Amino acid sequence: MTSPPAAPLTFDLTLRKPLLGWFPKPTVVVNGLGQPAQWGYRNWKLPDGGPAHVTIFLFNRLWKFGVVEFTVDAVHPGPLLYRAPWLPFLPGRLTRP
């Protein structure tokens, strides 16, 4: 009898924009694979159960801004919170809530 497949490893990511103003939808890149995202909470899978290099940014038709890069491992993925910058030339912030 075979054992059931192991559940994929995941990490929680909340994407927050400033309260005032219009902001484009964020893009999340996991190990080089871009994935459009929505503002709010989402649970992301770690590919192959190993560490993943993640980049988050906003794109306004001319340039990327609010860029944050980090690595998530399977040992301590933990919940993460990304906050977009107020101005379109500043970096974003990544914290643990």
PDB file of N, CA and C in Angstrom:
ATOM      1  N   MET A   1       0.848  -1.176   0.000  1.00  0.00           N
ATOM      2  CA  MET A   1       0.000   0.000   0.000  1.00  0.00           C
ATOM      3  C   MET A   1       0.897   1.243   0.000  1.00  0.00           C
ATOM      4  N   THR A   2       0.577   2.191  -0.829  1.00  0.00           N
ATOM      5  CA  THR A   2       1.393   3.406  -0.914  1.00  0.00           C
ATOM      6  C   THR A   2       0.867   4.467   0.043  1.00  0.00           C
ATOM      7  N   SER A   3       1.777   5.292   0.510  1.00  0.00           N
ATOM      8  CA  SER A   3       1.373   6.367   1.409  1.00  0.00           C
ATOM      9  C   SER A   3       0.844   7.541   0.589  1.00  0.00           C
ATOM     10  N   PRO A   4      -0.054   8.322   1.177  1.00  0.00           N
ATOM     11  CA  PRO A   4      -0.595   9.469   0.439  1.00  0.00           C
ATOM     12  C   PRO A   4       0.507  10.505   0.210  1.00  0.00           C
ATOM     13  N   PRO A   5       0.391  11.269  -0.860  1.00  0.00           N
ATOM     14  CA  PRO A   5       1.429  12.280  -1.126  1.00  0.00           C
ATOM     15  C   PRO A   5       1.443  13.333  -0.020  1.00  0.00           C
ATOM     16  N   ALA A   6       2.629  13.824   0.271  1.00  0.00           N
ATOM     17  CA  ALA A   6       2.763  14.841   1.311  1.00  0.00           C
ATOM     18  C   ALA A   6       2.132  16.148   0.834  1.00  0.00           C
ATOM     19  N   ALA A   7       1.572  16.883   1.785  1.00  0.00           N
ATOM     20  CA  ALA A   7       0.965  18.171   1.455  1.00  0.00           C
ATOM     21  C   ALA A   7       2.062  19.143   1.021  1.00  0.00           C
ATOM     22  N   PRO A   8       1.803  19.949  -0.009  1.00  0.00           N
ATOM     23  CA  PRO A   8       2.833  20.894  -0.449  1.00  0.00           C
ATOM     24  C   PRO A   8       3.108  21.942   0.629  1.00  0.00           C
ATOM     25  N   LEU A   9       4.351  22.350   0.736  1.00  0.00           N
ATOM     26  CA  LEU A   9       4.713  23.371   1.700  1.00  0.00           C
ATOM     27  C   LEU A   9       4.279  24.732   1.171  1.00  0.00           C
ATOM     28  N   THR A  10       3.786  25.582   2.072  1.00  0.00           N
ATOM     29  CA  THR A  10       3.252  26.877   1.671  1.00  0.00           C
ATOM     30  C   THR A  10       3.740  27.973   2.613  1.00  0.00           C
ATOM     31  N   PHE A  11       3.532  29.222   2.200  1.00  0.00           N
ATOM     32  CA  PHE A  11       3.750  30.365   3.084  1.00  0.00           C
ATOM     33  C   PHE A  11       2.627  31.367   2.865  1.00  0.00           C
ATOM     34  N   ASP A  12       2.289  32.094   3.918  1.00  0.00           N
ATOM     35  CA  ASP A  12       1.212  33.075   3.871  1.00  0.00           C
ATOM     36  C   ASP A  12       1.787  34.443   3.536  1.00  0.00           C
ATOM     37  N   LEU A  13       1.152  35.138   2.604  1.00  0.00           N
ATOM     38  CA  LEU A  13       1.608  36.461   2.195  1.00  0.00           C
ATOM     39  C   LEU A  13       0.402  37.382   2.082  1.00  0.00           C
ATOM     40  N   THR A  14       0.466  38.504   2.781  1.00  0.00           N
ATOM     41  CA  THR A  14      -0.570  39.520   2.687  1.00  0.00           C
ATOM     42  C   THR A  14       0.021  40.721   1.965  1.00  0.00           C
ATOM     43  N   LEU A  15      -0.662  41.185   0.925  1.00  0.00           N
ATOM     44  CA  LEU A  15      -0.215  42.328   0.136  1.00  0.00           C
ATOM     45  C   LEU A  15      -1.111  43.516   0.464  1.00  0.00           C
ATOM     46  N   ARG A  16      -0.505  44.597   0.983  1.00  0.00           N
ATOM     47  CA  ARG A  16      -1.286  45.777   1.371  1.00  0.00           C
ATOM     48  C   ARG A  16      -0.838  46.997   0.593  1.00  0.00           C
ATOM     49  N   LYS A  17      -1.823  47.772   0.149  1.00  0.00           N
ATOM     50  CA  LYS A  17      -1.518  49.035  -0.513  1.00  0.00           C
ATOM     51  C   LYS A  17      -1.854  50.175   0.448  1.00  0.00           C
ATOM     52  N   PRO A  18      -1.288  51.375   0.220  1.00  0.00           N
ATOM     53  CA  PRO A  18      -1.660  52.520   1.059  1.00  0.00           C
ATOM     54  C   PRO A  18      -3.147  52.818   0.946  1.00  0.00           C
ATOM     55  N   LEU A  19      -3.683  53.449   1.967  1.00  0.00           N
ATOM     56  CA  LEU A  19      -5.123  53.700   2.004  1.00  0.00           C
ATOM     57  C   LEU A  19      -5.597  54.685   0.946  1.00  0.00           C
ATOM     58  N   LEU A  20      -4.774  55.681   0.621  1.00  0.00           N
ATOM     59  CA  LEU A  20      -5.185  56.695  -0.340  1.00  0.00           C
ATOM     60  C   LEU A  20      -4.457  56.515  -1.663  1.00  0.00           C
ATOM     61  N   GLY A  21      -5.156  56.786  -2.744  1.00  0.00           N
ATOM     62  CA  GLY A  21      -4.526  56.757  -4.056  1.00  0.00           C
ATOM     63  C   GLY A  21      -4.800  55.477  -4.819  1.00  0.00           C
ATOM     64  N   TRP A  22      -4.441  55.517  -6.100  1.00  0.00           N
ATOM     65  CA  TRP A  22      -4.584  54.361  -6.975  1.00  0.00           C
ATOM     66  C   TRP A  22      -3.240  53.669  -7.078  1.00  0.00           C
ATOM     67  N   PHE A  23      -3.242  52.361  -7.007  1.00  0.00           N
ATOM     68  CA  PHE A  23      -2.014  51.578  -7.135  1.00  0.00           C
ATOM     69  C   PHE A  23      -2.277  50.396  -8.055  1.00  0.00           C
ATOM     70  N   PRO A  24      -1.310  50.081  -8.930  1.00  0.00           N
ATOM     71  CA  PRO A  24      -1.481  48.920  -9.804  1.00  0.00           C
ATOM     72  C   PRO A  24      -1.459  47.627  -8.992  1.00  0.00           C
ATOM     73  N   LYS A  25      -1.970  46.572  -9.593  1.00  0.00           N
ATOM     74  CA  LYS A  25      -1.938  45.269  -8.927  1.00  0.00           C
ATOM     75  C   LYS A  25      -0.493  44.798  -8.806  1.00  0.00           C
ATOM     76  N   PRO A  26      -0.164  44.134  -7.708  1.00  0.00           N
ATOM     77  CA  PRO A  26       1.211  43.666  -7.525  1.00  0.00           C
ATOM     78  C   PRO A  26       1.505  42.433  -8.377  1.00  0.00           C
ATOM     79  N   THR A  27       2.783  42.220  -8.624  1.00  0.00           N
ATOM     80  CA  THR A  27       3.257  41.015  -9.291  1.00  0.00           C
ATOM     81  C   THR A  27       4.177  40.287  -8.327  1.00  0.00           C
ATOM     82  N   VAL A  28       3.975  38.998  -8.174  1.00  0.00           N
ATOM     83  CA  VAL A  28       4.803  38.163  -7.308  1.00  0.00           C
ATOM     84  C   VAL A  28       5.543  37.175  -8.206  1.00  0.00           C
ATOM     85  N   VAL A  29       6.878  37.161  -8.103  1.00  0.00           N
ATOM     86  CA  VAL A  29       7.705  36.263  -8.900  1.00  0.00           C
ATOM     87  C   VAL A  29       8.319  35.238  -7.956  1.00  0.00           C
ATOM     88  N   VAL A  30       8.010  33.962  -8.165  1.00  0.00           N
ATOM     89  CA  VAL A  30       8.532  32.878  -7.332  1.00  0.00           C
ATOM     90  C   VAL A  30       9.464  32.038  -8.191  1.00  0.00           C
ATOM     91  N   ASN A  31      10.746  32.038  -7.849  1.00  0.00           N
ATOM     92  CA  ASN A  31      11.783  31.304  -8.599  1.00  0.00           C
ATOM     93  C   ASN A  31      11.734  31.615 -10.094  1.00  0.00           C
ATOM     94  N   GLY A  32      11.580  32.902 -10.436  1.00  0.00           N
ATOM     95  CA  GLY A  32      11.605  33.329 -11.830  1.00  0.00           C
ATOM     96  C   GLY A  32      10.292  33.215 -12.569  1.00  0.00           C
ATOM     97  N   LEU A  33       9.253  32.696 -11.935  1.00  0.00           N
ATOM     98  CA  LEU A  33       7.945  32.537 -12.580  1.00  0.00           C
ATOM     99  C   LEU A  33       7.008  33.622 -12.065  1.00  0.00           C
ATOM    100  N   GLY A  34       6.687  34.603 -12.918  1.00  0.00           N
ATOM    101  CA  GLY A  34       5.817  35.715 -12.520  1.00  0.00           C
ATOM    102  C   GLY A  34       4.372  35.297 -12.397  1.00  0.00           C
ATOM    103  N   GLN A  35       3.723  35.798 -11.356  1.00  0.00           N
ATOM    104  CA  GLN A  35       2.333  35.478 -11.103  1.00  0.00           C
ATOM    105  C   GLN A  35       1.596  36.742 -10.698  1.00  0.00           C
ATOM    106  N   PRO A  36       0.644  37.229 -11.522  1.00  0.00           N
ATOM    107  CA  PRO A  36      -0.127  38.395 -11.118  1.00  0.00           C
ATOM    108  C   PRO A  36      -0.888  38.086  -9.837  1.00  0.00           C
ATOM    109  N   ALA A  37      -1.020  39.067  -8.996  1.00  0.00           N
ATOM    110  CA  ALA A  37      -1.674  38.847  -7.704  1.00  0.00           C
ATOM    111  C   ALA A  37      -2.698  39.941  -7.454  1.00  0.00           C
ATOM    112  N   GLN A  38      -3.485  39.754  -6.432  1.00  0.00           N
ATOM    113  CA  GLN A  38      -4.465  40.731  -5.977  1.00  0.00           C
ATOM    114  C   GLN A  38      -4.021  41.253  -4.623  1.00  0.00           C
ATOM    115  N   TRP A  39      -4.502  42.432  -4.255  1.00  0.00           N
ATOM    116  CA  TRP A  39      -4.242  42.941  -2.914  1.00  0.00           C
ATOM    117  C   TRP A  39      -4.987  42.076  -1.916  1.00  0.00           C
ATOM    118  N   GLY A  40      -4.370  41.815  -0.786  1.00  0.00           N
ATOM    119  CA  GLY A  40      -5.008  41.017   0.250  1.00  0.00           C
ATOM    120  C   GLY A  40      -4.189  39.784   0.591  1.00  0.00           C
ATOM    121  N   TYR A  41      -4.849  38.825   1.219  1.00  0.00           N
ATOM    122  CA  TYR A  41      -4.201  37.619   1.730  1.00  0.00           C
ATOM    123  C   TYR A  41      -4.209  36.517   0.680  1.00  0.00           C
ATOM    124  N   ARG A  42      -3.118  35.762   0.647  1.00  0.00           N
ATOM    125  CA  ARG A  42      -3.056  34.569  -0.203  1.00  0.00           C
ATOM    126  C   ARG A  42      -2.026  33.601   0.366  1.00  0.00           C
ATOM    127  N   ASN A  43      -2.275  32.329   0.152  1.00  0.00           N
ATOM    128  CA  ASN A  43      -1.364  31.274   0.568  1.00  0.00           C
ATOM    129  C   ASN A  43      -0.631  30.802  -0.680  1.00  0.00           C
ATOM    130  N   TRP A  44       0.716  30.882  -0.680  1.00  0.00           N
ATOM    131  CA  TRP A  44       1.524  30.537  -1.847  1.00  0.00           C
ATOM    132  C   TRP A  44       2.240  29.219  -1.613  1.00  0.00           C
ATOM    133  N   LYS A  45       2.328  28.389  -2.651  1.00  0.00           N
ATOM    134  CA  LYS A  45       3.041  27.116  -2.566  1.00  0.00           C
ATOM    135  C   LYS A  45       4.526  27.330  -2.798  1.00  0.00           C
ATOM    136  N   LEU A  46       5.339  26.581  -2.054  1.00  0.00           N
ATOM    137  CA  LEU A  46       6.780  26.564  -2.285  1.00  0.00           C
ATOM    138  C   LEU A  46       7.056  25.497  -3.340  1.00  0.00           C
ATOM    139  N   PRO A  47       7.630  25.872  -4.482  1.00  0.00           N
ATOM    140  CA  PRO A  47       7.889  24.864  -5.511  1.00  0.00           C
ATOM    141  C   PRO A  47       8.908  23.837  -5.039  1.00  0.00           C
ATOM    142  N   ASP A  48       8.615  22.595  -5.266  1.00  0.00           N
ATOM    143  CA  ASP A  48       9.499  21.473  -4.922  1.00  0.00           C
ATOM    144  C   ASP A  48       9.804  21.378  -3.429  1.00  0.00           C
ATOM    145  N   GLY A  49       9.062  22.074  -2.602  1.00  0.00           N
ATOM    146  CA  GLY A  49       9.257  21.981  -1.158  1.00  0.00           C
ATOM    147  C   GLY A  49      10.558  22.575  -0.660  1.00  0.00           C
ATOM    148  N   GLY A  50      11.307  23.201  -1.524  1.00  0.00           N
ATOM    149  CA  GLY A  50      12.593  23.760  -1.127  1.00  0.00           C
ATOM    150  C   GLY A  50      12.529  25.262  -0.983  1.00  0.00           C
ATOM    151  N   PRO A  51      13.682  25.872  -0.742  1.00  0.00           N
ATOM    152  CA  PRO A  51      13.675  27.327  -0.627  1.00  0.00           C
ATOM    153  C   PRO A  51      13.271  27.980  -1.941  1.00  0.00           C
ATOM    154  N   ALA A  52      12.603  29.110  -1.837  1.00  0.00           N
ATOM    155  CA  ALA A  52      12.144  29.823  -3.017  1.00  0.00           C
ATOM    156  C   ALA A  52      12.570  31.279  -2.925  1.00  0.00           C
ATOM    157  N   HIS A  53      13.080  31.805  -4.033  1.00  0.00           N
ATOM    158  CA  HIS A  53      13.431  33.221  -4.108  1.00  0.00           C
ATOM    159  C   HIS A  53      12.197  33.959  -4.614  1.00  0.00           C
ATOM    160  N   VAL A  54      11.719  34.929  -3.827  1.00  0.00           N
ATOM    161  CA  VAL A  54      10.476  35.637  -4.135  1.00  0.00           C
ATOM    162  C   VAL A  54      10.780  37.119  -4.345  1.00  0.00           C
ATOM    163  N   THR A  55      10.205  37.687  -5.392  1.00  0.00           N
ATOM    164  CA  THR A  55      10.299  39.122  -5.663  1.00  0.00           C
ATOM    165  C   THR A  55       8.879  39.653  -5.813  1.00  0.00           C
ATOM    166  N   ILE A  56       8.604  40.785  -5.173  1.00  0.00           N
ATOM    167  CA  ILE A  56       7.308  41.446  -5.294  1.00  0.00           C
ATOM    168  C   ILE A  56       7.566  42.843  -5.835  1.00  0.00           C
ATOM    169  N   PHE A  57       6.757  43.270  -6.810  1.00  0.00           N
ATOM    170  CA  PHE A  57       6.905  44.624  -7.328  1.00  0.00           C
ATOM    171  C   PHE A  57       5.588  45.106  -7.928  1.00  0.00           C
ATOM    172  N   LEU A  58       5.522  46.414  -8.171  1.00  0.00           N
ATOM    173  CA  LEU A  58       4.405  47.049  -8.845  1.00  0.00           C
ATOM    174  C   LEU A  58       4.940  47.601 -10.167  1.00  0.00           C
ATOM    175  N   PHE A  59       4.104  47.661 -11.192  1.00  0.00           N
ATOM    176  CA  PHE A  59       4.537  48.133 -12.501  1.00  0.00           C
ATOM    177  C   PHE A  59       3.523  49.150 -13.006  1.00  0.00           C
ATOM    178  N   ASN A  60       3.996  50.351 -13.378  1.00  0.00           N
ATOM    179  CA  ASN A  60       3.071  51.408 -13.798  1.00  0.00           C
ATOM    180  C   ASN A  60       3.190  51.762 -15.282  1.00  0.00           C
ATOM    181  N   ARG A  61       3.489  50.808 -16.128  1.00  0.00           N
ATOM    182  CA  ARG A  61       3.640  50.940 -17.580  1.00  0.00           C
ATOM    183  C   ARG A  61       4.987  51.518 -18.000  1.00  0.00           C
ATOM    184  N   LEU A  62       5.710  52.156 -17.100  1.00  0.00           N
ATOM    185  CA  LEU A  62       7.008  52.725 -17.435  1.00  0.00           C
ATOM    186  C   LEU A  62       8.144  52.105 -16.646  1.00  0.00           C
ATOM    187  N   TRP A  63       7.928  51.812 -15.369  1.00  0.00           N
ATOM    188  CA  TRP A  63       8.993  51.251 -14.543  1.00  0.00           C
ATOM    189  C   TRP A  63       8.408  50.438 -13.400  1.00  0.00           C
ATOM    190  N   LYS A  64       9.270  49.585 -12.843  1.00  0.00           N
ATOM    191  CA  LYS A  64       8.902  48.814 -11.659  1.00  0.00           C
ATOM    192  C   LYS A  64       9.222  49.652 -10.433  1.00  0.00           C
ATOM    193  N   PHE A  65       8.393  49.530  -9.405  1.00  0.00           N
ATOM    194  CA  PHE A  65       8.684  50.192  -8.138  1.00  0.00           C
ATOM    195  C   PHE A  65       8.142  49.339  -7.006  1.00  0.00           C
ATOM    196  N   GLY A  66       8.518  49.709  -5.791  1.00  0.00           N
ATOM    197  CA  GLY A  66       8.076  48.938  -4.620  1.00  0.00           C
ATOM    198  C   GLY A  66       8.674  47.551  -4.570  1.00  0.00           C
ATOM    199  N   VAL A  67       9.884  47.396  -5.106  1.00  0.00           N
ATOM    200  CA  VAL A  67      10.505  46.070  -5.230  1.00  0.00           C
ATOM    201  C   VAL A  67      10.991  45.574  -3.870  1.00  0.00           C
ATOM    202  N   VAL A  68      10.668  44.328  -3.562  1.00  0.00           N
ATOM    203  CA  VAL A  68      11.153  43.627  -2.372  1.00  0.00           C
ATOM    204  C   VAL A  68      11.567  42.233  -2.815  1.00  0.00           C
ATOM    205  N   GLU A  69      12.754  41.793  -2.398  1.00  0.00           N
ATOM    206  CA  GLU A  69      13.232  40.441  -2.695  1.00  0.00           C
ATOM    207  C   GLU A  69      13.566  39.729  -1.398  1.00  0.00           C
ATOM    208  N   PHE A  70      13.210  38.448  -1.323  1.00  0.00           N
ATOM    209  CA  PHE A  70      13.497  37.656  -0.133  1.00  0.00           C
ATOM    210  C   PHE A  70      13.473  36.183  -0.496  1.00  0.00           C
ATOM    211  N   THR A  71      13.981  35.362   0.408  1.00  0.00           N
ATOM    212  CA  THR A  71      13.982  33.914   0.227  1.00  0.00           C
ATOM    213  C   THR A  71      13.141  33.286   1.319  1.00  0.00           C
ATOM    214  N   VAL A  72      12.288  32.364   0.921  1.00  0.00           N
ATOM    215  CA  VAL A  72      11.433  31.642   1.867  1.00  0.00           C
ATOM    216  C   VAL A  72      11.894  30.202   1.891  1.00  0.00           C
ATOM    217  N   ASP A  73      12.124  29.656   3.087  1.00  0.00           N
ATOM    218  CA  ASP A  73      12.514  28.250   3.193  1.00  0.00           C
ATOM    219  C   ASP A  73      11.400  27.456   3.846  1.00  0.00           C
ATOM    220  N   ALA A  74      11.507  26.156   3.769  1.00  0.00           N
ATOM    221  CA  ALA A  74      10.470  25.269   4.289  1.00  0.00           C
ATOM    222  C   ALA A  74      10.484  25.195   5.808  1.00  0.00           C
ATOM    223  N   VAL A  75      11.588  25.578   6.450  1.00  0.00           N
ATOM    224  CA  VAL A  75      11.694  25.448   7.900  1.00  0.00           C
ATOM    225  C   VAL A  75      10.867  26.505   8.616  1.00  0.00           C
ATOM    226  N   HIS A  76      11.017  27.766   8.231  1.00  0.00           N
ATOM    227  CA  HIS A  76      10.298  28.859   8.891  1.00  0.00           C
ATOM    228  C   HIS A  76       9.625  29.769   7.868  1.00  0.00           C
ATOM    229  N   PRO A  77       8.618  29.262   7.150  1.00  0.00           N
ATOM    230  CA  PRO A  77       8.009  30.136   6.155  1.00  0.00           C
ATOM    231  C   PRO A  77       7.268  31.308   6.800  1.00  0.00           C
ATOM    232  N   GLY A  78       6.492  31.055   7.847  1.00  0.00           N
ATOM    233  CA  GLY A  78       5.813  32.115   8.594  1.00  0.00           C
ATOM    234  C   GLY A  78       4.966  33.031   7.730  1.00  0.00           C
ATOM    235  N   PRO A  79       4.059  33.774   8.340  1.00  0.00           N
ATOM    236  CA  PRO A  79       3.265  34.751   7.589  1.00  0.00           C
ATOM    237  C   PRO A  79       4.099  35.996   7.306  1.00  0.00           C
ATOM    238  N   LEU A  80       3.909  36.579   6.131  1.00  0.00           N
ATOM    239  CA  LEU A  80       4.643  37.772   5.723  1.00  0.00           C
ATOM    240  C   LEU A  80       3.663  38.851   5.296  1.00  0.00           C
ATOM    241  N   LEU A  81       4.051  40.112   5.477  1.00  0.00           N
ATOM    242  CA  LEU A  81       3.219  41.251   5.115  1.00  0.00           C
ATOM    243  C   LEU A  81       4.029  42.186   4.233  1.00  0.00           C
ATOM    244  N   TYR A  82       3.548  42.417   3.001  1.00  0.00           N
ATOM    245  CA  TYR A  82       4.178  43.363   2.082  1.00  0.00           C
ATOM    246  C   TYR A  82       3.365  44.640   2.079  1.00  0.00           C
ATOM    247  N   ARG A  83       4.048  45.781   2.231  1.00  0.00           N
ATOM    248  CA  ARG A  83       3.384  47.086   2.169  1.00  0.00           C
ATOM    249  C   ARG A  83       3.966  47.874   0.995  1.00  0.00           C
ATOM    250  N   ALA A  84       3.085  48.346   0.128  1.00  0.00           N
ATOM    251  CA  ALA A  84       3.499  49.135  -1.028  1.00  0.00           C
ATOM    252  C   ALA A  84       3.912  50.535  -0.560  1.00  0.00           C
ATOM    253  N   PRO A  85       4.833  51.168  -1.288  1.00  0.00           N
ATOM    254  CA  PRO A  85       5.263  52.516  -0.910  1.00  0.00           C
ATOM    255  C   PRO A  85       4.227  53.570  -1.312  1.00  0.00           C
ATOM    256  N   TRP A  86       4.288  54.722  -0.649  1.00  0.00           N
ATOM    257  CA  TRP A  86       3.398  55.835  -0.988  1.00  0.00           C
ATOM    258  C   TRP A  86       3.770  56.462  -2.326  1.00  0.00           C
ATOM    259  N   LEU A  87       5.078  56.536  -2.615  1.00  0.00           N
ATOM    260  CA  LEU A  87       5.547  57.189  -3.839  1.00  0.00           C
ATOM    261  C   LEU A  87       6.121  56.151  -4.800  1.00  0.00           C
ATOM    262  N   PRO A  88       5.939  56.360  -6.126  1.00  0.00           N
ATOM    263  CA  PRO A  88       6.329  55.334  -7.099  1.00  0.00           C
ATOM    264  C   PRO A  88       7.824  55.241  -7.411  1.00  0.00           C
ATOM    265  N   PHE A  89       8.667  55.672  -6.512  1.00  0.00           N
ATOM    266  CA  PHE A  89      10.103  55.481  -6.699  1.00  0.00           C
ATOM    267  C   PHE A  89      10.762  54.921  -5.438  1.00  0.00           C
ATOM    268  N   LEU A  90       9.953  54.590  -4.448  1.00  0.00           N
ATOM    269  CA  LEU A  90      10.473  54.039  -3.202  1.00  0.00           C
ATOM    270  C   LEU A  90      10.342  52.515  -3.187  1.00  0.00           C
ATOM    271  N   PRO A  91      11.135  51.831  -2.363  1.00  0.00           N
ATOM    272  CA  PRO A  91      10.986  50.376  -2.242  1.00  0.00           C
ATOM    273  C   PRO A  91       9.791  50.041  -1.348  1.00  0.00           C
ATOM    274  N   GLY A  92       9.306  48.822  -1.485  1.00  0.00           N
ATOM    275  CA  GLY A  92       8.262  48.330  -0.595  1.00  0.00           C
ATOM    276  C   GLY A  92       8.872  47.860   0.716  1.00  0.00           C
ATOM    277  N   ARG A  93       8.013  47.472   1.669  1.00  0.00           N
ATOM    278  CA  ARG A  93       8.490  46.962   2.962  1.00  0.00           C
ATOM    279  C   ARG A  93       7.925  45.573   3.186  1.00  0.00           C
ATOM    280  N   LEU A  94       8.743  44.722   3.767  1.00  0.00           N
ATOM    281  CA  LEU A  94       8.327  43.366   4.093  1.00  0.00           C
ATOM    282  C   LEU A  94       8.536  43.154   5.571  1.00  0.00           C
ATOM    283  N   THR A  95       7.492  42.742   6.287  1.00  0.00           N
ATOM    284  CA  THR A  95       7.571  42.507   7.723  1.00  0.00           C
ATOM    285  C   THR A  95       6.855  41.205   8.065  1.00  0.00           C
ATOM    286  N   ARG A  96       7.041  40.785   9.271  1.00  0.00           N
ATOM    287  CA  ARG A  96       6.274  39.649   9.812  1.00  0.00           C
ATOM    288  C   ARG A  96       5.269  40.205  10.803  1.00  0.00           C
ATOM    289  N   PRO A  97       3.982  39.997  10.545  1.00  0.00           N
ATOM    290  CA  PRO A  97       2.953  40.561  11.446  1.00  0.00           C
ATOM    291  C   PRO A  97       2.953  39.923  12.822  1.00  0.00           C
TER     292      PRO A  97
END
